Amino acid sequence: MGSAFGRMEADIFGICVPYTDKQSIEHFVMRSMNALQNFSSAYYIVPCFGIYITGEEDLPASIMFDRATLAAKHCKGNYVNYFEYYNDDMRLRIEKEQEIVNDMNYALQDNQFTIYVQPKYNVMTNTPAGGEVLLRWIRPKKGMIPPGIFIPLFEKNGFVVKLDAYVWEEACKMLKRWIDQGKKPNPISVNVSRVNIYNPHFVENIIKLVDRYQIPH
């Protein structure tokens, strides 16, 4: 059986070779890596290889390549491990992430994102000194999703900008409600994503928000 290779796009190449065992494949990867790194002394090339061992003869070649690409993404930028094997956990993780992305806009409109306040205490007096808003996504049929799962994904696709604004407004509503009830709430801190830090109108937006709800600066 012969081999085939070709440039797919940009700096991405597909290679199809006969499979005998992992040792032969990894030896092939290392030889390819060394050849690339020795190609020119003017460039330091750090390749990454995604490996998919096909076991389904009727699987389209495009899907085989997609799976190898998915594996390659797991070692991209890794200066220790140059290759990664595809496994079904990778596919399931991508499917789960896609499900979250599909639901995010409706979840925001449906108020599925809920804020909680974690108390802050003055360690000298052991008295309450404020609080920090924590965000949780509670899906009606699937339960709570920890922020460690959806926040990195939303930072990547930009949805965190909308989510930040939602959290800030919910915090203002809560403070306004307490003030209207005659209470004197301590300051409540909120998280700001890295994306919003680069927004040139960030401070202006915060000021407009607290003024709208008549929250003391």
C-alpha atoms as a PDB file:
ATOM      1  CA  MET A   1       0.000   0.000   0.000  1.00  0.00           C
ATOM      2  CA  GLY A   2       1.351   3.413  -0.957  1.00  0.00           C
ATOM      3  CA  SER A   3       1.274   6.747   0.838  1.00  0.00           C
ATOM      4  CA  ALA A   4      -0.276  10.090  -0.054  1.00  0.00           C
ATOM      5  CA  PHE A   5       0.264  13.638   1.115  1.00  0.00           C
ATOM      6  CA  GLY A   6      -0.796  17.134   0.179  1.00  0.00           C
ATOM      7  CA  ARG A   7      -1.114  20.714   1.332  1.00  0.00           C
ATOM      8  CA  MET A   8      -4.593  21.364   2.691  1.00  0.00           C
ATOM      9  CA  GLU A   9      -4.322  25.111   3.392  1.00  0.00           C
ATOM     10  CA  ALA A  10      -1.821  27.670   4.730  1.00  0.00           C
ATOM     11  CA  ASP A  11       0.790  25.658   6.666  1.00  0.00           C
ATOM     12  CA  ILE A  12      -1.407  22.597   7.168  1.00  0.00           C
ATOM     13  CA  PHE A  13      -0.559  19.331   5.421  1.00  0.00           C
ATOM     14  CA  GLY A  14      -2.261  15.964   5.335  1.00  0.00           C
ATOM     15  CA  ILE A  15      -0.300  12.733   5.200  1.00  0.00           C
ATOM     16  CA  CYS A  16      -1.759   9.245   4.759  1.00  0.00           C
ATOM     17  CA  VAL A  17       0.585   6.327   5.439  1.00  0.00           C
ATOM     18  CA  PRO A  18       0.140   2.592   6.085  1.00  0.00           C
ATOM     19  CA  TYR A  19      -0.174   1.734   9.772  1.00  0.00           C
ATOM     20  CA  THR A  20       1.634  -1.188  11.365  1.00  0.00           C
ATOM     21  CA  ASP A  21       2.205  -0.084  14.959  1.00  0.00           C
ATOM     22  CA  LYS A  22       2.596   3.061  17.067  1.00  0.00           C
ATOM     23  CA  GLN A  23       6.367   2.779  17.122  1.00  0.00           C
ATOM     24  CA  SER A  24       6.642   3.056  13.330  1.00  0.00           C
ATOM     25  CA  ILE A  25       4.245   6.040  13.231  1.00  0.00           C
ATOM     26  CA  GLU A  26       6.100   7.876  15.996  1.00  0.00           C
ATOM     27  CA  HIS A  27       9.409   7.166  14.259  1.00  0.00           C
ATOM     28  CA  PHE A  28       7.953   8.667  11.075  1.00  0.00           C
ATOM     29  CA  VAL A  29       6.823  11.751  13.045  1.00  0.00           C
ATOM     30  CA  MET A  30      10.263  12.261  14.567  1.00  0.00           C
ATOM     31  CA  ARG A  31      12.005  11.921  11.182  1.00  0.00           C
ATOM     32  CA  SER A  32       9.582  14.442   9.671  1.00  0.00           C
ATOM     33  CA  MET A  33      10.091  16.821  12.589  1.00  0.00           C
ATOM     34  CA  ASN A  34      13.883  16.651  12.315  1.00  0.00           C
ATOM     35  CA  ALA A  35      13.727  17.240   8.557  1.00  0.00           C
ATOM     36  CA  LEU A  36      11.597  20.359   9.059  1.00  0.00           C
ATOM     37  CA  GLN A  37      13.805  21.758  11.804  1.00  0.00           C
ATOM     38  CA  ASN A  38      16.934  21.170   9.731  1.00  0.00           C
ATOM     39  CA  PHE A  39      15.427  22.690   6.596  1.00  0.00           C
ATOM     40  CA  SER A  40      16.904  26.157   7.191  1.00  0.00           C
ATOM     41  CA  SER A  41      19.077  27.660   9.902  1.00  0.00           C
ATOM     42  CA  ALA A  42      17.221  30.981   9.401  1.00  0.00           C
ATOM     43  CA  TYR A  43      13.944  29.604  10.775  1.00  0.00           C
ATOM     44  CA  TYR A  44      13.073  27.597  13.846  1.00  0.00           C
ATOM     45  CA  ILE A  45      10.083  25.502  12.843  1.00  0.00           C
ATOM     46  CA  VAL A  46       7.986  23.908  15.597  1.00  0.00           C
ATOM     47  CA  PRO A  47       5.635  21.456  13.890  1.00  0.00           C
ATOM     48  CA  CYS A  48       2.754  19.622  15.520  1.00  0.00           C
ATOM     49  CA  PHE A  49       1.307  16.319  14.340  1.00  0.00           C
ATOM     50  CA  GLY A  50      -2.198  15.012  14.908  1.00  0.00           C
ATOM     51  CA  ILE A  51      -2.529  11.266  14.376  1.00  0.00           C
ATOM     52  CA  TYR A  52      -5.731   9.432  13.574  1.00  0.00           C
ATOM     53  CA  ILE A  53      -5.568   5.661  13.213  1.00  0.00           C
ATOM     54  CA  THR A  54      -8.520   4.698  11.092  1.00  0.00           C
ATOM     55  CA  GLY A  55     -10.497   1.615  11.926  1.00  0.00           C
ATOM     56  CA  GLU A  56     -13.575   2.475   9.893  1.00  0.00           C
ATOM     57  CA  GLU A  57     -13.018   1.701   6.235  1.00  0.00           C
ATOM     58  CA  ASP A  58     -16.144   3.553   5.055  1.00  0.00           C
ATOM     59  CA  LEU A  59     -15.280   6.776   6.894  1.00  0.00           C
ATOM     60  CA  PRO A  60     -14.806   9.710   4.473  1.00  0.00           C
ATOM     61  CA  ALA A  61     -11.224  10.923   4.179  1.00  0.00           C
ATOM     62  CA  SER A  62     -12.362  14.443   5.133  1.00  0.00           C
ATOM     63  CA  ILE A  63     -13.558  13.217   8.539  1.00  0.00           C
ATOM     64  CA  MET A  64     -10.317  11.294   9.073  1.00  0.00           C
ATOM     65  CA  PHE A  65      -8.414  14.503   8.370  1.00  0.00           C
ATOM     66  CA  ASP A  66     -10.687  16.512  10.695  1.00  0.00           C
ATOM     67  CA  ARG A  67      -9.976  14.069  13.511  1.00  0.00           C
ATOM     68  CA  ALA A  68      -6.229  14.260  12.926  1.00  0.00           C
ATOM     69  CA  THR A  69      -6.497  18.067  12.900  1.00  0.00           C
ATOM     70  CA  LEU A  70      -8.398  17.999  16.180  1.00  0.00           C
ATOM     71  CA  ALA A  71      -5.610  15.923  17.723  1.00  0.00           C
ATOM     72  CA  ALA A  72      -2.979  18.338  16.364  1.00  0.00           C
ATOM     73  CA  LYS A  73      -4.687  21.267  18.108  1.00  0.00           C
ATOM     74  CA  HIS A  74      -4.091  19.554  21.447  1.00  0.00           C
ATOM     75  CA  CYS A  75      -0.318  19.754  21.067  1.00  0.00           C
ATOM     76  CA  LYS A  76      -0.025  23.026  19.148  1.00  0.00           C
ATOM     77  CA  GLY A  77       2.389  25.333  20.978  1.00  0.00           C
ATOM     78  CA  ASN A  78       3.702  22.447  23.084  1.00  0.00           C
ATOM     79  CA  TYR A  79       7.496  22.449  22.890  1.00  0.00           C
ATOM     80  CA  VAL A  80       7.797  19.067  24.588  1.00  0.00           C
ATOM     81  CA  ASN A  81       5.211  16.900  22.859  1.00  0.00           C
ATOM     82  CA  TYR A  82       5.063  17.290  19.078  1.00  0.00           C
ATOM     83  CA  PHE A  83       2.273  14.817  18.378  1.00  0.00           C
ATOM     84  CA  GLU A  84      -1.053  13.663  19.773  1.00  0.00           C
ATOM     85  CA  TYR A  85      -3.360  10.761  18.967  1.00  0.00           C
ATOM     86  CA  TYR A  86      -7.033  11.347  18.308  1.00  0.00           C
ATOM     87  CA  ASN A  87      -9.474   9.852  20.800  1.00  0.00           C
ATOM     88  CA  ASP A  88     -13.236  10.036  21.248  1.00  0.00           C
ATOM     89  CA  ASP A  89     -12.877  12.248  24.336  1.00  0.00           C
ATOM     90  CA  MET A  90     -11.670  15.031  22.047  1.00  0.00           C
ATOM     91  CA  ARG A  91     -14.756  14.685  19.870  1.00  0.00           C
ATOM     92  CA  LEU A  92     -17.100  14.611  22.858  1.00  0.00           C
ATOM     93  CA  ARG A  93     -15.477  17.730  24.301  1.00  0.00           C
ATOM     94  CA  ILE A  94     -15.925  19.591  21.002  1.00  0.00           C
ATOM     95  CA  GLU A  95     -19.562  18.467  20.820  1.00  0.00           C
ATOM     96  CA  LYS A  96     -20.160  19.646  24.389  1.00  0.00           C
ATOM     97  CA  GLU A  97     -18.562  23.015  23.640  1.00  0.00           C
ATOM     98  CA  GLN A  98     -20.708  23.387  20.518  1.00  0.00           C
ATOM     99  CA  GLU A  99     -23.814  22.623  22.558  1.00  0.00           C
ATOM    100  CA  ILE A 100     -22.884  25.397  25.000  1.00  0.00           C
ATOM    101  CA  VAL A 101     -22.317  27.849  22.143  1.00  0.00           C
ATOM    102  CA  ASN A 102     -25.665  26.921  20.586  1.00  0.00           C
ATOM    103  CA  ASP A 103     -27.487  27.599  23.874  1.00  0.00           C
ATOM    104  CA  MET A 104     -25.670  30.716  25.108  1.00  0.00           C
ATOM    105  CA  ASN A 105     -27.826  33.461  23.554  1.00  0.00           C
ATOM    106  CA  TYR A 106     -31.123  31.877  24.559  1.00  0.00           C
ATOM    107  CA  ALA A 107     -29.755  31.190  28.049  1.00  0.00           C
ATOM    108  CA  LEU A 108     -28.948  34.895  28.488  1.00  0.00           C
ATOM    109  CA  GLN A 109     -32.408  35.943  27.304  1.00  0.00           C
ATOM    110  CA  ASP A 110     -33.998  33.297  29.543  1.00  0.00           C
ATOM    111  CA  ASN A 111     -32.099  34.502  32.651  1.00  0.00           C
ATOM    112  CA  GLN A 112     -30.450  31.124  33.130  1.00  0.00           C
ATOM    113  CA  PHE A 113     -27.311  32.883  34.370  1.00  0.00           C
ATOM    114  CA  THR A 114     -27.650  33.480  38.097  1.00  0.00           C
ATOM    115  CA  ILE A 115     -25.518  35.610  40.391  1.00  0.00           C
ATOM    116  CA  TYR A 116     -24.575  34.736  43.946  1.00  0.00           C
ATOM    117  CA  VAL A 117     -22.730  36.891  46.458  1.00  0.00           C
ATOM    118  CA  GLN A 118     -19.731  35.483  48.278  1.00  0.00           C
ATOM    119  CA  PRO A 119     -19.176  37.459  51.513  1.00  0.00           C
ATOM    120  CA  LYS A 120     -15.941  39.283  52.258  1.00  0.00           C
ATOM    121  CA  TYR A 121     -14.924  39.784  55.874  1.00  0.00           C
ATOM    122  CA  ASN A 122     -12.606  42.198  57.612  1.00  0.00           C
ATOM    123  CA  VAL A 123     -10.109  39.840  59.256  1.00  0.00           C
ATOM    124  CA  MET A 124      -9.283  42.407  61.952  1.00  0.00           C
ATOM    125  CA  THR A 125     -12.868  42.904  63.138  1.00  0.00           C
ATOM    126  CA  ASN A 126     -14.451  39.698  61.801  1.00  0.00           C
ATOM    127  CA  THR A 127     -17.312  41.732  60.362  1.00  0.00           C
ATOM    128  CA  PRO A 128     -18.754  41.784  56.823  1.00  0.00           C
ATOM    129  CA  ALA A 129     -16.894  44.191  54.544  1.00  0.00           C
ATOM    130  CA  GLY A 130     -18.489  43.509  51.188  1.00  0.00           C
ATOM    131  CA  GLY A 131     -18.987  40.726  48.725  1.00  0.00           C
ATOM    132  CA  GLU A 132     -17.997  39.347  45.371  1.00  0.00           C
ATOM    133  CA  VAL A 133     -20.469  38.378  42.672  1.00  0.00           C
ATOM    134  CA  LEU A 134     -20.148  34.798  41.469  1.00  0.00           C
ATOM    135  CA  LEU A 135     -21.849  33.626  38.289  1.00  0.00           C
ATOM    136  CA  ARG A 136     -23.460  30.253  37.695  1.00  0.00           C
ATOM    137  CA  TRP A 137     -25.296  28.924  34.640  1.00  0.00           C
ATOM    138  CA  ILE A 138     -28.306  26.866  35.726  1.00  0.00           C
ATOM    139  CA  ARG A 139     -29.897  25.032  32.812  1.00  0.00           C
ATOM    140  CA  PRO A 140     -33.510  23.941  33.390  1.00  0.00           C
ATOM    141  CA  LYS A 141     -33.017  20.300  32.406  1.00  0.00           C
ATOM    142  CA  LYS A 142     -29.247  19.833  32.697  1.00  0.00           C
ATOM    143  CA  GLY A 143     -28.433  21.536  35.979  1.00  0.00           C
ATOM    144  CA  MET A 144     -25.559  23.824  36.865  1.00  0.00           C
ATOM    145  CA  ILE A 145     -22.562  24.406  34.619  1.00  0.00           C
ATOM    146  CA  PRO A 146     -19.419  25.609  36.452  1.00  0.00           C
ATOM    147  CA  PRO A 147     -17.904  28.863  35.134  1.00  0.00           C
ATOM    148  CA  GLY A 148     -14.597  27.095  34.541  1.00  0.00           C
ATOM    149  CA  ILE A 149     -16.298  25.328  31.631  1.00  0.00           C
ATOM    150  CA  PHE A 150     -18.176  28.152  29.907  1.00  0.00           C
ATOM    151  CA  ILE A 151     -16.124  31.281  30.723  1.00  0.00           C
ATOM    152  CA  PRO A 152     -12.966  30.252  28.762  1.00  0.00           C
ATOM    153  CA  LEU A 153     -15.175  29.328  25.818  1.00  0.00           C
ATOM    154  CA  PHE A 154     -17.024  32.667  25.962  1.00  0.00           C
ATOM    155  CA  GLU A 155     -13.731  34.561  26.203  1.00  0.00           C
ATOM    156  CA  LYS A 156     -12.630  32.802  23.037  1.00  0.00           C
ATOM    157  CA  ASN A 157     -15.784  33.571  21.025  1.00  0.00           C
ATOM    158  CA  GLY A 158     -16.396  37.069  22.461  1.00  0.00           C
ATOM    159  CA  PHE A 159     -19.726  36.303  24.153  1.00  0.00           C
ATOM    160  CA  VAL A 160     -18.132  37.164  27.501  1.00  0.00           C
ATOM    161  CA  VAL A 161     -18.611  40.873  26.644  1.00  0.00           C
ATOM    162  CA  LYS A 162     -22.401  40.432  26.777  1.00  0.00           C
ATOM    163  CA  LEU A 163     -22.152  38.217  29.835  1.00  0.00           C
ATOM    164  CA  ASP A 164     -20.026  40.747  31.737  1.00  0.00           C
ATOM    165  CA  ALA A 165     -22.569  43.489  31.034  1.00  0.00           C
ATOM    166  CA  TYR A 166     -25.366  41.217  32.231  1.00  0.00           C
ATOM    167  CA  VAL A 167     -23.566  40.450  35.500  1.00  0.00           C
ATOM    168  CA  TRP A 168     -22.774  44.107  36.193  1.00  0.00           C
ATOM    169  CA  GLU A 169     -26.389  45.094  35.631  1.00  0.00           C
ATOM    170  CA  GLU A 170     -27.697  42.272  37.826  1.00  0.00           C
ATOM    171  CA  ALA A 171     -25.318  43.420  40.583  1.00  0.00           C
ATOM    172  CA  CYS A 172     -26.604  47.003  40.233  1.00  0.00           C
ATOM    173  CA  LYS A 173     -30.215  45.821  40.384  1.00  0.00           C
ATOM    174  CA  MET A 174     -29.442  43.914  43.579  1.00  0.00           C
ATOM    175  CA  LEU A 175     -27.715  46.900  45.219  1.00  0.00           C
ATOM    176  CA  LYS A 176     -30.549  49.234  44.163  1.00  0.00           C
ATOM    177  CA  ARG A 177     -33.118  46.840  45.649  1.00  0.00           C
ATOM    178  CA  TRP A 178     -31.269  46.781  48.960  1.00  0.00           C
ATOM    179  CA  ILE A 179     -30.924  50.566  49.000  1.00  0.00           C
ATOM    180  CA  ASP A 180     -34.660  50.993  48.289  1.00  0.00           C
ATOM    181  CA  GLN A 181     -35.353  48.670  51.225  1.00  0.00           C
ATOM    182  CA  GLY A 182     -33.512  51.102  53.486  1.00  0.00           C
ATOM    183  CA  LYS A 183     -30.391  48.978  53.813  1.00  0.00           C
ATOM    184  CA  LYS A 184     -26.834  50.277  53.566  1.00  0.00           C
ATOM    185  CA  PRO A 185     -25.026  47.628  51.553  1.00  0.00           C
ATOM    186  CA  ASN A 186     -21.273  47.277  51.501  1.00  0.00           C
ATOM    187  CA  PRO A 187     -19.510  47.492  48.105  1.00  0.00           C
ATOM    188  CA  ILE A 188     -19.979  44.509  45.829  1.00  0.00           C
ATOM    189  CA  SER A 189     -17.113  43.600  43.500  1.00  0.00           C
ATOM    190  CA  VAL A 190     -17.630  42.067  40.074  1.00  0.00           C
ATOM    191  CA  ASN A 191     -15.280  40.283  37.731  1.00  0.00           C
ATOM    192  CA  VAL A 192     -14.133  41.873  34.491  1.00  0.00           C
ATOM    193  CA  SER A 193     -12.978  39.689  31.643  1.00  0.00           C
ATOM    194  CA  ARG A 194      -9.713  40.390  29.865  1.00  0.00           C
ATOM    195  CA  VAL A 195     -11.694  41.236  26.726  1.00  0.00           C
ATOM    196  CA  ASN A 196     -13.465  44.148  28.442  1.00  0.00           C
ATOM    197  CA  ILE A 197     -10.220  45.515  29.889  1.00  0.00           C
ATOM    198  CA  TYR A 198      -9.255  46.497  26.341  1.00  0.00           C
ATOM    199  CA  ASN A 199     -12.572  48.246  25.706  1.00  0.00           C
ATOM    200  CA  PRO A 200     -11.792  52.010  25.479  1.00  0.00           C
ATOM    201  CA  HIS A 201     -15.331  52.776  26.755  1.00  0.00           C
ATOM    202  CA  PHE A 202     -15.114  50.441  29.742  1.00  0.00           C
ATOM    203  CA  VAL A 203     -15.015  53.098  32.484  1.00  0.00           C
ATOM    204  CA  GLU A 204     -17.656  55.192  30.727  1.00  0.00           C
ATOM    205  CA  ASN A 205     -19.983  52.192  30.479  1.00  0.00           C
ATOM    206  CA  ILE A 206     -19.604  51.331  34.164  1.00  0.00           C
ATOM    207  CA  ILE A 207     -20.303  54.917  35.226  1.00  0.00           C
ATOM    208  CA  LYS A 208     -23.427  55.087  33.047  1.00  0.00           C
ATOM    209  CA  LEU A 209     -24.663  51.820  34.523  1.00  0.00           C
ATOM    210  CA  VAL A 210     -24.251  52.760  38.193  1.00  0.00           C
ATOM    211  CA  ASP A 211     -25.741  56.205  37.532  1.00  0.00           C
ATOM    212  CA  ARG A 212     -28.782  54.647  35.860  1.00  0.00           C
ATOM    213  CA  TYR A 213     -29.458  52.609  39.017  1.00  0.00           C
ATOM    214  CA  GLN A 214     -28.427  55.481  41.315  1.00  0.00           C
ATOM    215  CA  ILE A 215     -25.655  53.471  42.952  1.00  0.00           C
ATOM    216  CA  PRO A 216     -23.111  55.606  44.863  1.00  0.00           C
ATOM    217  CA  HIS A 217     -19.746  55.627  43.106  1.00  0.00           C
END
